[in-house]
Amino acid sequence: TAFLHGDLDEEIYMKIPPGFEKNNSDKVCRIKKSLYGLKQEPRCWFEKLSTALKKYGFKQSYSDYSLFTLSKGGIQLNVLIYVDDML
């Protein structure tokens, strides 16, 4: 469900699913939130997660953009993002 919380930065349209429209097949739906199965969903989710981590003070690694670190009071916390998992 992590991918369902991403915000889309671009306009994406899809055909109306069967059963929702009776005779007009030329209409489309504009998607406002990330939808499971979209090619853009991992990118949207990562952008939202990385923005939240940076707000909490995490620093994004330049050598590996999926690695975020936070150092406070002699303690270092490393978060590594892999697809939709955090290690």
N, C-alpha and C. Protein backbone atom coordinates (compact mmCIF):
# COMPACT_ATOMS: atom_id res chain seq x y z
N THR A 1 0.80 -1.20 0.00
CA THR A 1 0.00 0.00 0.00
C THR A 1 0.85 1.26 0.00
N ALA A 2 2.16 1.12 0.15
CA ALA A 2 3.03 2.31 0.20
C ALA A 2 2.92 3.13 -1.07
N PHE A 3 2.79 2.49 -2.21
CA PHE A 3 2.74 3.20 -3.48
C PHE A 3 1.47 4.02 -3.64
N LEU A 4 0.43 3.71 -2.91
CA LEU A 4 -0.85 4.40 -3.06
C LEU A 4 -0.86 5.79 -2.44
N HIS A 5 0.21 6.17 -1.75
CA HIS A 5 0.25 7.47 -1.07
C HIS A 5 1.10 8.48 -1.81
N GLY A 6 1.58 8.16 -2.99
CA GLY A 6 2.41 9.09 -3.75
C GLY A 6 1.57 10.13 -4.46
N ASP A 7 2.09 11.34 -4.54
CA ASP A 7 1.42 12.41 -5.27
C ASP A 7 2.00 12.48 -6.67
N LEU A 8 1.15 12.66 -7.64
CA LEU A 8 1.59 12.74 -9.03
C LEU A 8 1.93 14.18 -9.39
N ASP A 9 3.06 14.38 -10.04
CA ASP A 9 3.49 15.71 -10.47
C ASP A 9 3.14 15.98 -11.92
N GLU A 10 2.58 15.01 -12.59
CA GLU A 10 2.25 15.15 -14.00
C GLU A 10 0.81 14.70 -14.22
N GLU A 11 0.25 15.09 -15.35
CA GLU A 11 -1.11 14.67 -15.66
C GLU A 11 -1.09 13.28 -16.30
N ILE A 12 -1.87 12.38 -15.72
CA ILE A 12 -1.96 11.01 -16.24
C ILE A 12 -3.43 10.67 -16.43
N TYR A 13 -3.74 10.12 -17.58
CA TYR A 13 -5.11 9.75 -17.91
C TYR A 13 -5.20 8.26 -18.17
N MET A 14 -6.37 7.70 -17.92
CA MET A 14 -6.59 6.28 -18.19
C MET A 14 -7.99 6.10 -18.77
N LYS A 15 -8.19 5.00 -19.48
CA LYS A 15 -9.52 4.69 -19.99
C LYS A 15 -10.44 4.37 -18.83
N ILE A 16 -11.71 4.67 -18.99
CA ILE A 16 -12.69 4.35 -17.96
C ILE A 16 -12.85 2.83 -17.90
N PRO A 17 -12.77 2.25 -16.71
CA PRO A 17 -12.89 0.79 -16.58
C PRO A 17 -14.25 0.29 -17.08
N PRO A 18 -14.29 -0.93 -17.59
CA PRO A 18 -15.56 -1.50 -18.07
C PRO A 18 -16.60 -1.51 -16.95
N GLY A 19 -17.83 -1.15 -17.31
CA GLY A 19 -18.91 -1.14 -16.34
C GLY A 19 -19.21 0.21 -15.73
N PHE A 20 -18.30 1.19 -15.88
CA PHE A 20 -18.52 2.52 -15.31
C PHE A 20 -19.18 3.47 -16.31
N GLU A 21 -19.00 3.23 -17.59
CA GLU A 21 -19.58 4.09 -18.62
C GLU A 21 -20.34 3.21 -19.58
N LYS A 22 -21.57 3.60 -19.91
CA LYS A 22 -22.43 2.74 -20.72
C LYS A 22 -22.08 2.78 -22.21
N ASN A 23 -22.24 3.93 -22.85
CA ASN A 23 -22.09 3.97 -24.31
C ASN A 23 -20.91 4.79 -24.79
N ASN A 24 -20.43 5.71 -23.99
CA ASN A 24 -19.37 6.62 -24.44
C ASN A 24 -18.00 6.04 -24.11
N SER A 25 -17.31 5.50 -25.09
CA SER A 25 -15.99 4.92 -24.84
C SER A 25 -14.87 5.92 -25.12
N ASP A 26 -15.22 7.16 -25.51
CA ASP A 26 -14.18 8.14 -25.81
C ASP A 26 -13.80 8.98 -24.59
N LYS A 27 -14.43 8.74 -23.45
CA LYS A 27 -14.09 9.48 -22.22
C LYS A 27 -12.93 8.81 -21.51
N VAL A 28 -12.17 9.62 -20.74
CA VAL A 28 -11.04 9.12 -19.95
C VAL A 28 -11.12 9.70 -18.54
N CYS A 29 -10.35 9.13 -17.63
CA CYS A 29 -10.27 9.61 -16.25
C CYS A 29 -8.90 10.22 -16.02
N ARG A 30 -8.86 11.33 -15.30
CA ARG A 30 -7.57 11.91 -14.91
C ARG A 30 -7.25 11.40 -13.51
N ILE A 31 -6.06 10.85 -13.35
CA ILE A 31 -5.63 10.28 -12.07
C ILE A 31 -4.93 11.37 -11.27
N LYS A 32 -5.36 11.58 -10.03
CA LYS A 32 -4.77 12.62 -9.18
C LYS A 32 -3.79 12.06 -8.16
N LYS A 33 -3.95 10.81 -7.78
CA LYS A 33 -3.06 10.15 -6.83
C LYS A 33 -2.46 8.92 -7.50
N SER A 34 -1.33 8.48 -6.96
CA SER A 34 -0.68 7.30 -7.51
C SER A 34 -1.61 6.10 -7.43
N LEU A 35 -1.57 5.28 -8.44
CA LEU A 35 -2.46 4.14 -8.56
C LEU A 35 -1.61 2.89 -8.74
N TYR A 36 -1.97 1.81 -8.07
CA TYR A 36 -1.20 0.57 -8.17
C TYR A 36 -1.11 0.14 -9.63
N GLY A 37 0.10 -0.11 -10.09
CA GLY A 37 0.31 -0.54 -11.46
C GLY A 37 0.86 0.55 -12.37
N LEU A 38 0.89 1.79 -11.89
CA LEU A 38 1.46 2.88 -12.70
C LEU A 38 2.97 2.76 -12.73
N LYS A 39 3.57 3.12 -13.85
CA LYS A 39 5.03 3.11 -13.95
C LYS A 39 5.65 4.19 -13.07
N GLN A 40 4.91 5.26 -12.81
CA GLN A 40 5.42 6.39 -12.04
C GLN A 40 5.34 6.18 -10.53
N GLU A 41 4.62 5.16 -10.06
CA GLU A 41 4.36 5.04 -8.63
C GLU A 41 5.61 4.87 -7.76
N PRO A 42 6.62 4.07 -8.15
CA PRO A 42 7.80 3.98 -7.27
C PRO A 42 8.52 5.32 -7.13
N ARG A 43 8.59 6.07 -8.22
CA ARG A 43 9.26 7.37 -8.19
C ARG A 43 8.48 8.35 -7.31
N CYS A 44 7.17 8.36 -7.41
CA CYS A 44 6.33 9.24 -6.59
C CYS A 44 6.48 8.91 -5.11
N TRP A 45 6.45 7.62 -4.81
CA TRP A 45 6.56 7.20 -3.41
C TRP A 45 7.93 7.56 -2.84
N PHE A 46 8.99 7.32 -3.62
CA PHE A 46 10.34 7.63 -3.14
C PHE A 46 10.50 9.13 -2.91
N GLU A 47 9.94 9.93 -3.77
CA GLU A 47 10.03 11.39 -3.62
C GLU A 47 9.33 11.84 -2.33
N LYS A 48 8.17 11.29 -2.06
CA LYS A 48 7.43 11.65 -0.84
C LYS A 48 8.17 11.19 0.41
N LEU A 49 8.72 9.97 0.38
CA LEU A 49 9.45 9.44 1.53
C LEU A 49 10.74 10.22 1.76
N SER A 50 11.50 10.49 0.71
CA SER A 50 12.77 11.20 0.88
C SER A 50 12.54 12.62 1.38
N THR A 51 11.47 13.27 0.94
CA THR A 51 11.14 14.60 1.44
C THR A 51 10.84 14.56 2.93
N ALA A 52 10.10 13.55 3.38
CA ALA A 52 9.77 13.41 4.81
C ALA A 52 11.02 13.13 5.63
N LEU A 53 11.91 12.26 5.15
CA LEU A 53 13.14 11.96 5.88
C LEU A 53 14.02 13.19 6.00
N LYS A 54 14.11 13.97 4.94
CA LYS A 54 14.93 15.19 4.99
C LYS A 54 14.36 16.21 5.97
N LYS A 55 13.05 16.26 6.10
CA LYS A 55 12.43 17.17 7.07
C LYS A 55 12.81 16.79 8.50
N TYR A 56 13.01 15.50 8.75
CA TYR A 56 13.42 15.03 10.07
C TYR A 56 14.91 15.16 10.32
N GLY A 57 15.66 15.65 9.33
CA GLY A 57 17.09 15.89 9.52
C GLY A 57 18.00 14.86 8.89
N PHE A 58 17.46 13.90 8.18
CA PHE A 58 18.29 12.90 7.50
C PHE A 58 19.02 13.56 6.33
N LYS A 59 20.21 13.10 6.06
CA LYS A 59 21.00 13.55 4.92
C LYS A 59 21.04 12.44 3.88
N GLN A 60 20.78 12.80 2.63
CA GLN A 60 20.79 11.83 1.54
C GLN A 60 22.21 11.69 1.02
N SER A 61 22.66 10.45 0.84
CA SER A 61 24.01 10.17 0.35
C SER A 61 24.13 10.54 -1.13
N TYR A 62 25.26 11.13 -1.49
CA TYR A 62 25.50 11.47 -2.89
C TYR A 62 25.98 10.26 -3.69
N SER A 63 26.60 9.29 -3.03
CA SER A 63 27.09 8.11 -3.73
C SER A 63 25.99 7.05 -3.92
N ASP A 64 24.99 7.04 -3.03
CA ASP A 64 23.86 6.12 -3.15
C ASP A 64 22.61 6.88 -2.70
N TYR A 65 21.81 7.33 -3.66
CA TYR A 65 20.66 8.18 -3.35
C TYR A 65 19.59 7.50 -2.51
N SER A 66 19.66 6.19 -2.38
CA SER A 66 18.67 5.48 -1.57
C SER A 66 19.11 5.34 -0.11
N LEU A 67 20.27 5.90 0.25
CA LEU A 67 20.79 5.83 1.62
C LEU A 67 20.62 7.19 2.31
N PHE A 68 19.99 7.15 3.49
CA PHE A 68 19.78 8.35 4.29
C PHE A 68 20.40 8.13 5.66
N THR A 69 21.10 9.12 6.19
CA THR A 69 21.74 8.99 7.50
C THR A 69 21.34 10.15 8.40
N LEU A 70 21.26 9.84 9.69
CA LEU A 70 20.96 10.85 10.71
C LEU A 70 21.92 10.61 11.86
N SER A 71 22.65 11.66 12.25
CA SER A 71 23.59 11.57 13.37
C SER A 71 23.19 12.58 14.44
N LYS A 72 22.96 12.08 15.65
CA LYS A 72 22.63 12.94 16.79
C LYS A 72 23.19 12.34 18.06
N GLY A 73 23.91 13.15 18.80
CA GLY A 73 24.42 12.74 20.11
C GLY A 73 25.25 11.47 20.08
N GLY A 74 26.08 11.29 19.09
CA GLY A 74 26.94 10.11 19.00
C GLY A 74 26.24 8.87 18.46
N ILE A 75 25.00 8.97 18.08
CA ILE A 75 24.26 7.85 17.52
C ILE A 75 24.02 8.12 16.04
N GLN A 76 24.28 7.12 15.23
CA GLN A 76 24.05 7.26 13.79
C GLN A 76 22.99 6.27 13.36
N LEU A 77 21.99 6.78 12.64
CA LEU A 77 20.90 5.96 12.12
C LEU A 77 20.99 5.96 10.60
N ASN A 78 21.07 4.79 10.00
CA ASN A 78 21.14 4.64 8.55
C ASN A 78 19.85 4.00 8.06
N VAL A 79 19.25 4.59 7.04
CA VAL A 79 18.04 4.04 6.42
C VAL A 79 18.34 3.84 4.95
N LEU A 80 18.18 2.62 4.49
CA LEU A 80 18.40 2.28 3.09
C LEU A 80 17.07 1.89 2.48
N ILE A 81 16.70 2.55 1.39
CA ILE A 81 15.42 2.30 0.73
C ILE A 81 15.64 1.35 -0.44
N TYR A 82 14.87 0.28 -0.48
CA TYR A 82 14.92 -0.66 -1.59
C TYR A 82 13.49 -0.91 -2.07
N VAL A 83 13.16 -0.38 -3.21
CA VAL A 83 11.82 -0.43 -3.81
C VAL A 83 10.83 0.17 -2.81
N ASP A 84 10.10 -0.66 -2.05
CA ASP A 84 9.18 -0.11 -1.06
C ASP A 84 9.49 -0.63 0.35
N ASP A 85 10.75 -1.01 0.57
CA ASP A 85 11.19 -1.49 1.88
C ASP A 85 12.26 -0.57 2.44
N MET A 86 12.32 -0.47 3.77
CA MET A 86 13.37 0.29 4.44
C MET A 86 14.20 -0.68 5.26
N LEU A 87 15.51 -0.61 5.09
CA LEU A 87 16.43 -1.48 5.85
C LEU A 87 17.20 -0.64 6.84
